[in-house]
PDB file of N, CA and C in Angstrom:
ATOM      1  N   UNK A   1     161.999  68.308  45.849  1.00  0.00           N
ATOM      2  CA  UNK A   1     162.765  67.472  44.932  1.00  0.00           C
ATOM      3  C   UNK A   1     161.824  66.993  43.832  1.00  0.00           C
ATOM      4  N   UNK A   2     162.300  67.063  42.638  1.00  0.00           N
ATOM      5  CA  UNK A   2     161.506  66.665  41.471  1.00  0.00           C
ATOM      6  C   UNK A   2     161.281  65.152  41.455  1.00  0.00           C
ATOM      7  N   UNK A   3     160.294  64.747  40.706  1.00  0.00           N
ATOM      8  CA  UNK A   3     159.978  63.335  40.521  1.00  0.00           C
ATOM      9  C   UNK A   3     161.185  62.639  39.884  1.00  0.00           C
ATOM     10  N   UNK A   4     161.450  61.384  40.249  1.00  0.00           N
ATOM     11  CA  UNK A   4     162.600  60.665  39.693  1.00  0.00           C
ATOM     12  C   UNK A   4     162.640  60.638  38.162  1.00  0.00           C
ATOM     13  N   UNK A   5     161.498  60.510  37.523  1.00  0.00           N
ATOM     14  CA  UNK A   5     161.486  60.484  36.052  1.00  0.00           C
ATOM     15  C   UNK A   5     161.961  61.812  35.477  1.00  0.00           C
ATOM     16  N   UNK A   6     161.589  62.908  36.109  1.00  0.00           N
ATOM     17  CA  UNK A   6     162.021  64.234  35.659  1.00  0.00           C
ATOM     18  C   UNK A   6     163.526  64.365  35.855  1.00  0.00           C
ATOM     19  N   UNK A   7     164.005  63.944  37.006  1.00  0.00           N
ATOM     20  CA  UNK A   7     165.444  64.017  37.271  1.00  0.00           C
ATOM     21  C   UNK A   7     166.232  63.187  36.269  1.00  0.00           C
ATOM     22  N   UNK A   8     165.752  62.011  35.979  1.00  0.00           N
ATOM     23  CA  UNK A   8     166.441  61.140  35.028  1.00  0.00           C
ATOM     24  C   UNK A   8     166.496  61.783  33.647  1.00  0.00           C
ATOM     25  N   UNK A   9     165.384  62.357  33.209  1.00  0.00           N
ATOM     26  CA  UNK A   9     165.357  63.040  31.909  1.00  0.00           C
ATOM     27  C   UNK A   9     166.337  64.204  31.879  1.00  0.00           C
ATOM     28  N   UNK A  10     166.363  64.993  32.939  1.00  0.00           N
ATOM     29  CA  UNK A  10     167.280  66.132  33.005  1.00  0.00           C
ATOM     30  C   UNK A  10     168.734  65.676  32.988  1.00  0.00           C
ATOM     31  N   UNK A  11     169.030  64.632  33.739  1.00  0.00           N
ATOM     32  CA  UNK A  11     170.399  64.123  33.766  1.00  0.00           C
ATOM     33  C   UNK A  11     170.820  63.584  32.404  1.00  0.00           C
ATOM     34  N   UNK A  12     169.924  62.886  31.732  1.00  0.00           N
ATOM     35  CA  UNK A  12     170.221  62.353  30.394  1.00  0.00           C
ATOM     36  C   UNK A  12     170.463  63.492  29.403  1.00  0.00           C
ATOM     37  N   UNK A  13     169.599  64.508  29.457  1.00  0.00           N
ATOM     38  CA  UNK A  13     169.762  65.639  28.540  1.00  0.00           C
ATOM     39  C   UNK A  13     171.058  66.385  28.828  1.00  0.00           C
ATOM     40  N   UNK A  14     171.374  66.577  30.103  1.00  0.00           N
ATOM     41  CA  UNK A  14     172.606  67.263  30.474  1.00  0.00           C
ATOM     42  C   UNK A  14     173.821  66.508  29.921  1.00  0.00           C
ATOM     43  N   UNK A  15     173.837  65.194  30.090  1.00  0.00           N
ATOM     44  CA  UNK A  15     174.955  64.380  29.595  1.00  0.00           C
ATOM     45  C   UNK A  15     175.089  64.485  28.075  1.00  0.00           C
ATOM     46  N   UNK A  16     173.978  64.421  27.375  1.00  0.00           N
ATOM     47  CA  UNK A  16     174.005  64.527  25.909  1.00  0.00           C
ATOM     48  C   UNK A  16     174.506  65.899  25.469  1.00  0.00           C
ATOM     49  N   UNK A  17     174.058  66.938  26.157  1.00  0.00           N
ATOM     50  CA  UNK A  17     174.488  68.290  25.806  1.00  0.00           C
ATOM     51  C   UNK A  17     175.965  68.511  26.097  1.00  0.00           C
ATOM     52  N   UNK A  18     176.482  67.906  27.161  1.00  0.00           N
ATOM     53  CA  UNK A  18     177.910  68.014  27.456  1.00  0.00           C
ATOM     54  C   UNK A  18     178.733  67.407  26.322  1.00  0.00           C
ATOM     55  N   UNK A  19     178.273  66.306  25.759  1.00  0.00           N
ATOM     56  CA  UNK A  19     178.962  65.679  24.634  1.00  0.00           C
ATOM     57  C   UNK A  19     178.910  66.590  23.416  1.00  0.00           C
ATOM     58  N   UNK A  20     177.722  67.136  23.129  1.00  0.00           N
ATOM     59  CA  UNK A  20     177.589  68.062  21.992  1.00  0.00           C
ATOM     60  C   UNK A  20     178.468  69.292  22.177  1.00  0.00           C
ATOM     61  N   UNK A  21     178.517  69.800  23.388  1.00  0.00           N
ATOM     62  CA  UNK A  21     179.335  70.978  23.668  1.00  0.00           C
ATOM     63  C   UNK A  21     180.806  70.679  23.391  1.00  0.00           C
ATOM     64  N   UNK A  22     181.258  69.511  23.792  1.00  0.00           N
ATOM     65  CA  UNK A  22     182.649  69.130  23.574  1.00  0.00           C
ATOM     66  C   UNK A  22     182.948  68.954  22.092  1.00  0.00           C
ATOM     67  N   UNK A  23     181.967  68.464  21.349  1.00  0.00           N
ATOM     68  CA  UNK A  23     182.179  68.209  19.924  1.00  0.00           C
ATOM     69  C   UNK A  23     182.043  69.463  19.078  1.00  0.00           C
ATOM     70  N   UNK A  24     181.041  70.292  19.362  1.00  0.00           N
ATOM     71  CA  UNK A  24     180.732  71.409  18.470  1.00  0.00           C
ATOM     72  C   UNK A  24     180.888  72.772  19.120  1.00  0.00           C
ATOM     73  N   UNK A  25     180.512  72.892  20.354  1.00  0.00           N
ATOM     74  CA  UNK A  25     180.616  74.170  21.045  1.00  0.00           C
ATOM     75  C   UNK A  25     179.720  75.264  20.493  1.00  0.00           C
ATOM     76  N   UNK A  26     178.626  74.897  19.848  1.00  0.00           N
ATOM     77  CA  UNK A  26     177.703  75.878  19.264  1.00  0.00           C
ATOM     78  C   UNK A  26     177.014  76.687  20.359  1.00  0.00           C
ATOM     79  N   UNK A  27     176.756  77.960  20.106  1.00  0.00           N
ATOM     80  CA  UNK A  27     176.094  78.802  21.115  1.00  0.00           C
ATOM     81  C   UNK A  27     174.731  78.262  21.562  1.00  0.00           C
ATOM     82  N   UNK A  28     173.977  77.657  20.640  1.00  0.00           N
ATOM     83  CA  UNK A  28     172.670  77.105  20.996  1.00  0.00           C
ATOM     84  C   UNK A  28     172.822  75.953  21.983  1.00  0.00           C
ATOM     85  N   UNK A  29     173.846  75.141  21.774  1.00  0.00           N
ATOM     86  CA  UNK A  29     174.098  74.016  22.675  1.00  0.00           C
ATOM     87  C   UNK A  29     174.500  74.542  24.047  1.00  0.00           C
ATOM     88  N   UNK A  30     175.365  75.543  24.065  1.00  0.00           N
ATOM     89  CA  UNK A  30     175.804  76.124  25.332  1.00  0.00           C
ATOM     90  C   UNK A  30     174.626  76.707  26.096  1.00  0.00           C
ATOM     91  N   UNK A  31     173.743  77.411  25.401  1.00  0.00           N
ATOM     92  CA  UNK A  31     172.583  78.015  26.063  1.00  0.00           C
ATOM     93  C   UNK A  31     171.655  76.951  26.635  1.00  0.00           C
ATOM     94  N   UNK A  32     171.394  75.910  25.866  1.00  0.00           N
ATOM     95  CA  UNK A  32     170.518  74.837  26.343  1.00  0.00           C
ATOM     96  C   UNK A  32     171.165  74.110  27.526  1.00  0.00           C
ATOM     97  N   UNK A  33     172.482  73.921  27.465  1.00  0.00           N
ATOM     98  CA  UNK A  33     173.199  73.297  28.564  1.00  0.00           C
ATOM     99  C   UNK A  33     173.045  74.123  29.841  1.00  0.00           C
ATOM    100  N   UNK A  34     173.172  75.431  29.714  1.00  0.00           N
ATOM    101  CA  UNK A  34     172.983  76.312  30.864  1.00  0.00           C
ATOM    102  C   UNK A  34     171.556  76.215  31.407  1.00  0.00           C
ATOM    103  N   UNK A  35     170.576  76.147  30.510  1.00  0.00           N
ATOM    104  CA  UNK A  35     169.179  76.031  30.925  1.00  0.00           C
ATOM    105  C   UNK A  35     168.928  74.724  31.686  1.00  0.00           C
ATOM    106  N   UNK A  36     169.455  73.635  31.171  1.00  0.00           N
ATOM    107  CA  UNK A  36     169.255  72.335  31.815  1.00  0.00           C
ATOM    108  C   UNK A  36     169.988  72.295  33.156  1.00  0.00           C
ATOM    109  N   UNK A  37     171.186  72.859  33.209  1.00  0.00           N
ATOM    110  CA  UNK A  37     171.935  72.912  34.468  1.00  0.00           C
ATOM    111  C   UNK A  37     171.154  73.708  35.509  1.00  0.00           C
ATOM    112  N   UNK A  38     170.600  74.832  35.100  1.00  0.00           N
ATOM    113  CA  UNK A  38     169.797  75.660  36.006  1.00  0.00           C
ATOM    114  C   UNK A  38     168.574  74.878  36.500  1.00  0.00           C
ATOM    115  N   UNK A  39     167.894  74.199  35.596  1.00  0.00           N
ATOM    116  CA  UNK A  39     166.710  73.427  35.954  1.00  0.00           C
ATOM    117  C   UNK A  39     167.066  72.287  36.910  1.00  0.00           C
ATOM    118  N   UNK A  40     168.191  71.644  36.680  1.00  0.00           N
ATOM    119  CA  UNK A  40     168.656  70.599  37.603  1.00  0.00           C
ATOM    120  C   UNK A  40     168.889  71.177  38.994  1.00  0.00           C
ATOM    121  N   UNK A  41     169.486  72.346  39.047  1.00  0.00           N
ATOM    122  CA  UNK A  41     169.731  72.978  40.350  1.00  0.00           C
ATOM    123  C   UNK A  41     168.416  73.294  41.057  1.00  0.00           C
ATOM    124  N   UNK A  42     167.466  73.845  40.334  1.00  0.00           N
ATOM    125  CA  UNK A  42     166.160  74.163  40.911  1.00  0.00           C
ATOM    126  C   UNK A  42     165.466  72.880  41.375  1.00  0.00           C
ATOM    127  N   UNK A  43     165.514  71.852  40.544  1.00  0.00           N
ATOM    128  CA  UNK A  43     164.817  70.598  40.843  1.00  0.00           C
ATOM    129  C   UNK A  43     165.400  69.870  42.054  1.00  0.00           C
ATOM    130  N   UNK A  44     166.681  70.138  42.351  1.00  0.00           N
ATOM    131  CA  UNK A  44     167.326  69.435  43.455  1.00  0.00           C
ATOM    132  C   UNK A  44     167.578  70.338  44.658  1.00  0.00           C
ATOM    133  N   UNK A  45     167.275  71.620  44.516  1.00  0.00           N
ATOM    134  CA  UNK A  45     167.477  72.546  45.623  1.00  0.00           C
ATOM    135  C   UNK A  45     168.939  72.866  45.875  1.00  0.00           C
ATOM    136  N   UNK A  46     169.737  72.839  44.814  1.00  0.00           N
ATOM    137  CA  UNK A  46     171.167  73.132  44.932  1.00  0.00           C
ATOM    138  C   UNK A  46     171.504  74.373  44.108  1.00  0.00           C
ATOM    139  N   UNK A  47     172.744  74.831  44.232  1.00  0.00           N
ATOM    140  CA  UNK A  47     173.177  76.022  43.495  1.00  0.00           C
ATOM    141  C   UNK A  47     174.300  75.733  42.513  1.00  0.00           C
ATOM    142  N   UNK A  48     174.722  74.508  42.445  1.00  0.00           N
ATOM    143  CA  UNK A  48     175.855  74.121  41.612  1.00  0.00           C
ATOM    144  C   UNK A  48     175.468  72.859  40.853  1.00  0.00           C
ATOM    145  N   UNK A  49     175.768  72.825  39.560  1.00  0.00           N
ATOM    146  CA  UNK A  49     175.324  71.691  38.748  1.00  0.00           C
ATOM    147  C   UNK A  49     175.966  70.380  39.206  1.00  0.00           C
ATOM    148  N   UNK A  50     177.208  70.426  39.661  1.00  0.00           N
ATOM    149  CA  UNK A  50     177.824  69.186  40.156  1.00  0.00           C
ATOM    150  C   UNK A  50     177.092  68.657  41.383  1.00  0.00           C
ATOM    151  N   UNK A  51     176.736  69.560  42.283  1.00  0.00           N
ATOM    152  CA  UNK A  51     175.965  69.150  43.463  1.00  0.00           C
ATOM    153  C   UNK A  51     174.566  68.682  43.056  1.00  0.00           C
ATOM    154  N   UNK A  52     173.994  69.319  42.042  1.00  0.00           N
ATOM    155  CA  UNK A  52     172.671  68.911  41.552  1.00  0.00           C
ATOM    156  C   UNK A  52     172.716  67.487  41.009  1.00  0.00           C
ATOM    157  N   UNK A  53     173.765  67.167  40.273  1.00  0.00           N
ATOM    158  CA  UNK A  53     173.893  65.817  39.730  1.00  0.00           C
ATOM    159  C   UNK A  53     174.065  64.794  40.849  1.00  0.00           C
ATOM    160  N   UNK A  54     174.830  65.143  41.865  1.00  0.00           N
ATOM    161  CA  UNK A  54     175.003  64.244  43.015  1.00  0.00           C
ATOM    162  C   UNK A  54     173.667  64.038  43.723  1.00  0.00           C
ATOM    163  N   UNK A  55     172.945  65.134  43.958  1.00  0.00           N
ATOM    164  CA  UNK A  55     171.649  65.045  44.633  1.00  0.00           C
ATOM    165  C   UNK A  55     170.661  64.218  43.811  1.00  0.00           C
ATOM    166  N   UNK A  56     170.663  64.413  42.496  1.00  0.00           N
ATOM    167  CA  UNK A  56     169.750  63.666  41.635  1.00  0.00           C
ATOM    168  C   UNK A  56     170.088  62.174  41.663  1.00  0.00           C
ATOM    169  N   UNK A  57     171.368  61.858  41.584  1.00  0.00           N
ATOM    170  CA  UNK A  57     171.773  60.440  41.651  1.00  0.00           C
ATOM    171  C   UNK A  57     171.374  59.816  42.984  1.00  0.00           C
ATOM    172  N   UNK A  58     171.559  60.586  44.045  1.00  0.00           N
ATOM    173  CA  UNK A  58     171.176  60.093  45.375  1.00  0.00           C
ATOM    174  C   UNK A  58     169.674  59.830  45.430  1.00  0.00           C
ATOM    175  N   UNK A  59     168.892  60.760  44.902  1.00  0.00           N
ATOM    176  CA  UNK A  59     167.430  60.609  44.877  1.00  0.00           C
ATOM    177  C   UNK A  59     167.032  59.402  44.045  1.00  0.00           C
ATOM    178  N   UNK A  60     167.695  59.217  42.912  1.00  0.00           N
ATOM    179  CA  UNK A  60     167.354  58.103  42.033  1.00  0.00           C
ATOM    180  C   UNK A  60     167.761  56.764  42.639  1.00  0.00           C
ATOM    181  N   UNK A  61     168.826  56.753  43.406  1.00  0.00           N
ATOM    182  CA  UNK A  61     169.254  55.488  44.003  1.00  0.00           C
ATOM    183  C   UNK A  61     168.235  54.976  45.016  1.00  0.00           C
ATOM    184  N   UNK A  62     167.429  55.885  45.579  1.00  0.00           N
ATOM    185  CA  UNK A  62     166.422  55.476  46.550  1.00  0.00           C
ATOM    186  C   UNK A  62     165.024  55.399  45.974  1.00  0.00           C
ATOM    187  N   UNK A  63     164.884  55.703  44.699  1.00  0.00           N
ATOM    188  CA  UNK A  63     163.556  55.708  44.078  1.00  0.00           C
ATOM    189  C   UNK A  63     163.131  54.301  43.700  1.00  0.00           C
ATOM    190  N   UNK A  64     161.858  54.049  43.885  1.00  0.00           N
ATOM    191  CA  UNK A  64     161.296  52.768  43.449  1.00  0.00           C
ATOM    192  C   UNK A  64     160.956  52.862  41.970  1.00  0.00           C
ATOM    193  N   UNK A  65     160.974  51.736  41.285  1.00  0.00           N
ATOM    194  CA  UNK A  65     160.538  51.706  39.897  1.00  0.00           C
ATOM    195  C   UNK A  65     159.074  52.135  39.841  1.00  0.00           C
ATOM    196  N   UNK A  66     158.771  53.080  38.991  1.00  0.00           N
ATOM    197  CA  UNK A  66     157.402  53.563  38.884  1.00  0.00           C
ATOM    198  C   UNK A  66     156.999  54.414  40.057  1.00  0.00           C
ATOM    199  N   UNK A  67     157.950  54.978  40.759  1.00  0.00           N
ATOM    200  CA  UNK A  67     157.664  55.804  41.933  1.00  0.00           C
ATOM    201  C   UNK A  67     156.758  56.970  41.557  1.00  0.00           C
ATOM    202  N   UNK A  68     155.598  57.011  42.170  1.00  0.00           N
ATOM    203  CA  UNK A  68     154.665  58.106  41.897  1.00  0.00           C
ATOM    204  C   UNK A  68     154.360  58.860  43.182  1.00  0.00           C
ATOM    205  N   UNK A  69     155.308  58.871  44.105  1.00  0.00           N
ATOM    206  CA  UNK A  69     155.082  59.456  45.418  1.00  0.00           C
ATOM    207  C   UNK A  69     154.790  60.955  45.356  1.00  0.00           C
ATOM    208  N   UNK A  70     155.209  61.621  44.289  1.00  0.00           N
ATOM    209  CA  UNK A  70     154.947  63.046  44.172  1.00  0.00           C
ATOM    210  C   UNK A  70     153.802  63.354  43.210  1.00  0.00           C
ATOM    211  N   UNK A  71     153.223  62.353  42.635  1.00  0.00           N
ATOM    212  CA  UNK A  71     152.110  62.570  41.725  1.00  0.00           C
ATOM    213  C   UNK A  71     150.941  63.196  42.469  1.00  0.00           C
ATOM    214  N   UNK A  72     150.401  64.231  41.906  1.00  0.00           N
ATOM    215  CA  UNK A  72     149.249  64.898  42.488  1.00  0.00           C
ATOM    216  C   UNK A  72     149.613  65.862  43.599  1.00  0.00           C
ATOM    217  N   UNK A  73     150.896  66.039  43.837  1.00  0.00           N
ATOM    218  CA  UNK A  73     151.331  66.964  44.901  1.00  0.00           C
ATOM    219  C   UNK A  73     151.216  68.404  44.456  1.00  0.00           C
TER     220      UNK A  73
END
């Protein structure tokens, strides 16, 4: 599982890209959205972006502020 800060960044980017996709639907936005969704799945050990978002939220709900438990791993 990725570090909480990485998960948070990925989730934020995914949310922003979903908004852009709904507004513009540009191919570049769609491609980046697919890339971020894939990275979220890899980072959470899931195969579906919805499950990845659930797993990331679950991980973040248990993370301490400034959690560095994976630093140096």
